[in-house]
N, C-alpha and C. Protein backbone atom coordinates (compact mmCIF):
# COMPACT_ATOMS: atom_id res chain seq x y z
N MET A 1 -25.64 -6.45 -19.17
CA MET A 1 -24.57 -7.09 -19.91
C MET A 1 -25.07 -8.45 -20.37
N ASP A 2 -24.69 -8.85 -21.57
CA ASP A 2 -25.07 -10.13 -22.12
C ASP A 2 -24.47 -11.26 -21.29
N ALA A 3 -25.27 -12.29 -21.00
CA ALA A 3 -24.83 -13.40 -20.16
C ALA A 3 -23.67 -14.17 -20.80
N GLN A 4 -23.56 -14.14 -22.13
CA GLN A 4 -22.51 -14.88 -22.82
C GLN A 4 -21.28 -14.03 -23.11
N MET A 5 -21.30 -12.78 -22.72
CA MET A 5 -20.17 -11.89 -23.00
C MET A 5 -18.94 -12.33 -22.21
N THR A 6 -17.82 -12.44 -22.87
CA THR A 6 -16.59 -12.87 -22.22
C THR A 6 -15.58 -11.74 -22.09
N TYR A 7 -16.01 -10.53 -22.43
CA TYR A 7 -15.10 -9.39 -22.37
C TYR A 7 -15.88 -8.12 -22.05
N LEU A 8 -15.14 -7.11 -21.63
CA LEU A 8 -15.68 -5.77 -21.39
C LEU A 8 -15.03 -4.85 -22.42
N GLU A 9 -15.81 -3.93 -22.99
CA GLU A 9 -15.30 -3.14 -24.11
C GLU A 9 -15.05 -1.67 -23.83
N THR A 10 -15.48 -1.15 -22.73
CA THR A 10 -15.28 0.28 -22.47
C THR A 10 -14.75 0.46 -21.05
N TRP A 11 -14.15 1.63 -20.81
CA TRP A 11 -13.69 1.93 -19.46
C TRP A 11 -14.88 1.96 -18.50
N LYS A 12 -16.02 2.40 -18.99
CA LYS A 12 -17.21 2.44 -18.13
C LYS A 12 -17.65 1.02 -17.74
N GLN A 13 -17.66 0.09 -18.67
CA GLN A 13 -18.00 -1.30 -18.35
C GLN A 13 -17.00 -1.90 -17.38
N ILE A 14 -15.71 -1.63 -17.60
CA ILE A 14 -14.67 -2.16 -16.73
C ILE A 14 -14.83 -1.59 -15.32
N SER A 15 -15.04 -0.29 -15.21
CA SER A 15 -15.15 0.33 -13.90
C SER A 15 -16.41 -0.14 -13.17
N THR A 16 -17.50 -0.32 -13.89
CA THR A 16 -18.73 -0.82 -13.27
C THR A 16 -18.53 -2.25 -12.77
N HIS A 17 -17.88 -3.07 -13.57
CA HIS A 17 -17.63 -4.46 -13.18
C HIS A 17 -16.75 -4.54 -11.93
N LEU A 18 -15.75 -3.69 -11.85
CA LEU A 18 -14.83 -3.68 -10.71
C LEU A 18 -15.33 -2.85 -9.53
N ARG A 19 -16.41 -2.09 -9.77
CA ARG A 19 -16.94 -1.17 -8.76
C ARG A 19 -15.89 -0.15 -8.32
N ARG A 20 -15.16 0.36 -9.31
CA ARG A 20 -14.15 1.40 -9.10
C ARG A 20 -14.40 2.49 -10.13
N SER A 21 -13.71 3.60 -9.98
CA SER A 21 -13.88 4.70 -10.94
C SER A 21 -13.13 4.39 -12.24
N GLU A 22 -13.55 5.06 -13.31
CA GLU A 22 -12.83 4.91 -14.58
C GLU A 22 -11.40 5.39 -14.43
N ARG A 23 -11.20 6.45 -13.67
CA ARG A 23 -9.84 6.99 -13.44
C ARG A 23 -8.95 5.95 -12.78
N TRP A 24 -9.47 5.23 -11.77
CA TRP A 24 -8.71 4.19 -11.09
C TRP A 24 -8.34 3.08 -12.07
N CYS A 25 -9.30 2.67 -12.90
CA CYS A 25 -9.05 1.59 -13.87
C CYS A 25 -7.97 1.99 -14.87
N ARG A 26 -8.03 3.22 -15.35
CA ARG A 26 -7.00 3.70 -16.29
C ARG A 26 -5.63 3.75 -15.61
N ALA A 27 -5.60 4.16 -14.35
CA ALA A 27 -4.34 4.21 -13.62
C ALA A 27 -3.77 2.80 -13.43
N MET A 28 -4.63 1.84 -13.14
CA MET A 28 -4.17 0.45 -12.98
C MET A 28 -3.64 -0.12 -14.29
N ALA A 29 -4.20 0.31 -15.40
CA ALA A 29 -3.74 -0.16 -16.71
C ALA A 29 -2.39 0.45 -17.07
N ARG A 30 -2.08 1.65 -16.54
CA ARG A 30 -0.83 2.36 -16.86
C ARG A 30 0.33 2.00 -15.93
N ARG A 31 0.04 1.41 -14.77
CA ARG A 31 1.12 1.22 -13.81
C ARG A 31 2.15 0.22 -14.34
N PRO A 32 3.42 0.41 -13.97
CA PRO A 32 4.50 -0.41 -14.53
C PRO A 32 4.54 -1.85 -13.99
N PHE A 33 4.08 -2.08 -12.77
CA PHE A 33 4.10 -3.43 -12.20
C PHE A 33 2.68 -3.98 -12.21
N SER A 34 2.51 -5.16 -12.73
CA SER A 34 1.22 -5.85 -12.76
C SER A 34 0.07 -4.96 -13.23
N PRO A 35 0.15 -4.45 -14.46
CA PRO A 35 -0.93 -3.58 -14.94
C PRO A 35 -2.23 -4.36 -15.22
N LEU A 36 -3.34 -3.66 -15.18
CA LEU A 36 -4.63 -4.24 -15.55
C LEU A 36 -4.50 -4.71 -17.00
N PRO A 37 -4.82 -5.97 -17.31
CA PRO A 37 -4.54 -6.54 -18.63
C PRO A 37 -5.54 -6.14 -19.72
N VAL A 38 -5.52 -4.88 -20.10
CA VAL A 38 -6.42 -4.41 -21.16
C VAL A 38 -5.71 -4.45 -22.50
N TYR A 39 -6.50 -4.60 -23.56
CA TYR A 39 -5.99 -4.55 -24.92
C TYR A 39 -6.54 -3.29 -25.54
N ARG A 40 -5.67 -2.52 -26.18
CA ARG A 40 -6.10 -1.29 -26.84
C ARG A 40 -5.96 -1.47 -28.35
N LEU A 41 -7.04 -1.21 -29.05
CA LEU A 41 -7.05 -1.28 -30.51
C LEU A 41 -7.54 0.07 -31.01
N GLY A 42 -6.60 0.95 -31.32
CA GLY A 42 -6.98 2.30 -31.69
C GLY A 42 -7.61 2.99 -30.49
N GLY A 43 -8.83 3.46 -30.62
CA GLY A 43 -9.53 4.10 -29.52
C GLY A 43 -10.38 3.15 -28.71
N ILE A 44 -10.30 1.86 -29.01
CA ILE A 44 -11.13 0.86 -28.33
C ILE A 44 -10.30 0.16 -27.27
N VAL A 45 -10.89 -0.08 -26.11
CA VAL A 45 -10.23 -0.83 -25.05
C VAL A 45 -11.04 -2.10 -24.82
N ARG A 46 -10.37 -3.20 -24.55
CA ARG A 46 -11.06 -4.46 -24.30
C ARG A 46 -10.34 -5.21 -23.19
N LEU A 47 -11.12 -5.83 -22.33
CA LEU A 47 -10.59 -6.62 -21.22
C LEU A 47 -11.32 -7.95 -21.19
N GLN A 48 -10.59 -9.04 -21.37
CA GLN A 48 -11.18 -10.37 -21.30
C GLN A 48 -11.48 -10.70 -19.84
N LEU A 49 -12.66 -11.24 -19.56
CA LEU A 49 -13.04 -11.55 -18.18
C LEU A 49 -12.12 -12.61 -17.58
N GLU A 50 -11.66 -13.55 -18.38
CA GLU A 50 -10.72 -14.57 -17.90
C GLU A 50 -9.41 -13.93 -17.44
N ASP A 51 -8.91 -12.97 -18.21
CA ASP A 51 -7.69 -12.25 -17.84
C ASP A 51 -7.91 -11.42 -16.58
N LEU A 52 -9.09 -10.81 -16.47
CA LEU A 52 -9.41 -10.02 -15.29
C LEU A 52 -9.44 -10.89 -14.04
N ASP A 53 -10.04 -12.07 -14.13
CA ASP A 53 -10.08 -12.97 -12.98
C ASP A 53 -8.68 -13.38 -12.54
N ALA A 54 -7.81 -13.67 -13.51
CA ALA A 54 -6.43 -14.04 -13.19
C ALA A 54 -5.69 -12.87 -12.55
N TRP A 55 -5.90 -11.66 -13.07
CA TRP A 55 -5.25 -10.46 -12.52
C TRP A 55 -5.72 -10.21 -11.09
N LEU A 56 -7.03 -10.31 -10.85
CA LEU A 56 -7.56 -10.09 -9.50
C LEU A 56 -7.00 -11.12 -8.52
N HIS A 57 -6.91 -12.37 -8.95
CA HIS A 57 -6.35 -13.42 -8.09
C HIS A 57 -4.89 -13.12 -7.75
N ALA A 58 -4.12 -12.72 -8.75
CA ALA A 58 -2.70 -12.40 -8.53
C ALA A 58 -2.55 -11.18 -7.62
N GLU A 59 -3.39 -10.17 -7.82
CA GLU A 59 -3.33 -8.97 -6.97
C GLU A 59 -3.68 -9.29 -5.52
N ARG A 60 -4.70 -10.12 -5.32
CA ARG A 60 -5.06 -10.51 -3.96
C ARG A 60 -3.93 -11.28 -3.30
N ALA A 61 -3.33 -12.21 -4.03
CA ALA A 61 -2.23 -13.00 -3.49
C ALA A 61 -1.04 -12.10 -3.15
N ARG A 62 -0.71 -11.17 -4.05
CA ARG A 62 0.42 -10.26 -3.81
C ARG A 62 0.16 -9.40 -2.59
N THR A 63 -1.05 -8.89 -2.45
CA THR A 63 -1.39 -8.03 -1.33
C THR A 63 -1.34 -8.79 -0.01
N ILE A 64 -1.81 -10.03 -0.02
CA ILE A 64 -1.77 -10.84 1.20
C ILE A 64 -0.33 -11.14 1.60
N MET A 65 0.52 -11.44 0.62
CA MET A 65 1.90 -11.81 0.91
C MET A 65 2.77 -10.61 1.30
N THR A 66 2.56 -9.46 0.66
CA THR A 66 3.47 -8.34 0.87
C THR A 66 2.81 -7.12 1.51
N GLY A 67 1.52 -7.13 1.62
CA GLY A 67 0.80 -5.95 2.09
C GLY A 67 0.56 -5.01 0.93
N PRO A 68 -0.37 -4.09 1.06
CA PRO A 68 -0.66 -3.18 -0.05
C PRO A 68 0.51 -2.26 -0.34
N ARG A 69 0.67 -1.92 -1.61
CA ARG A 69 1.71 -0.98 -2.02
C ARG A 69 1.16 0.43 -1.84
N LEU A 70 1.82 1.22 -1.04
CA LEU A 70 1.34 2.57 -0.77
C LEU A 70 2.18 3.58 -1.53
N ALA A 71 1.55 4.61 -2.00
CA ALA A 71 2.27 5.68 -2.69
C ALA A 71 3.15 6.43 -1.70
N ALA A 72 4.33 6.81 -2.15
CA ALA A 72 5.28 7.52 -1.28
C ALA A 72 4.92 8.98 -1.18
């Protein structure tokens, strides 16, 4: 990845960056509460690294305060 890149452009780049599967990333983007902050432009997906850092910080804080949300 380019050292000056400030965004990720594909589900594969996003999943590699997060060390999660593409399926998990897509599920996080679709969830109704605190979704992964991706932008979709037609068939293109983009995630700003600054937005990702803020999302990860908020998710960590939420998990610490309330515990992980488990599926019923």
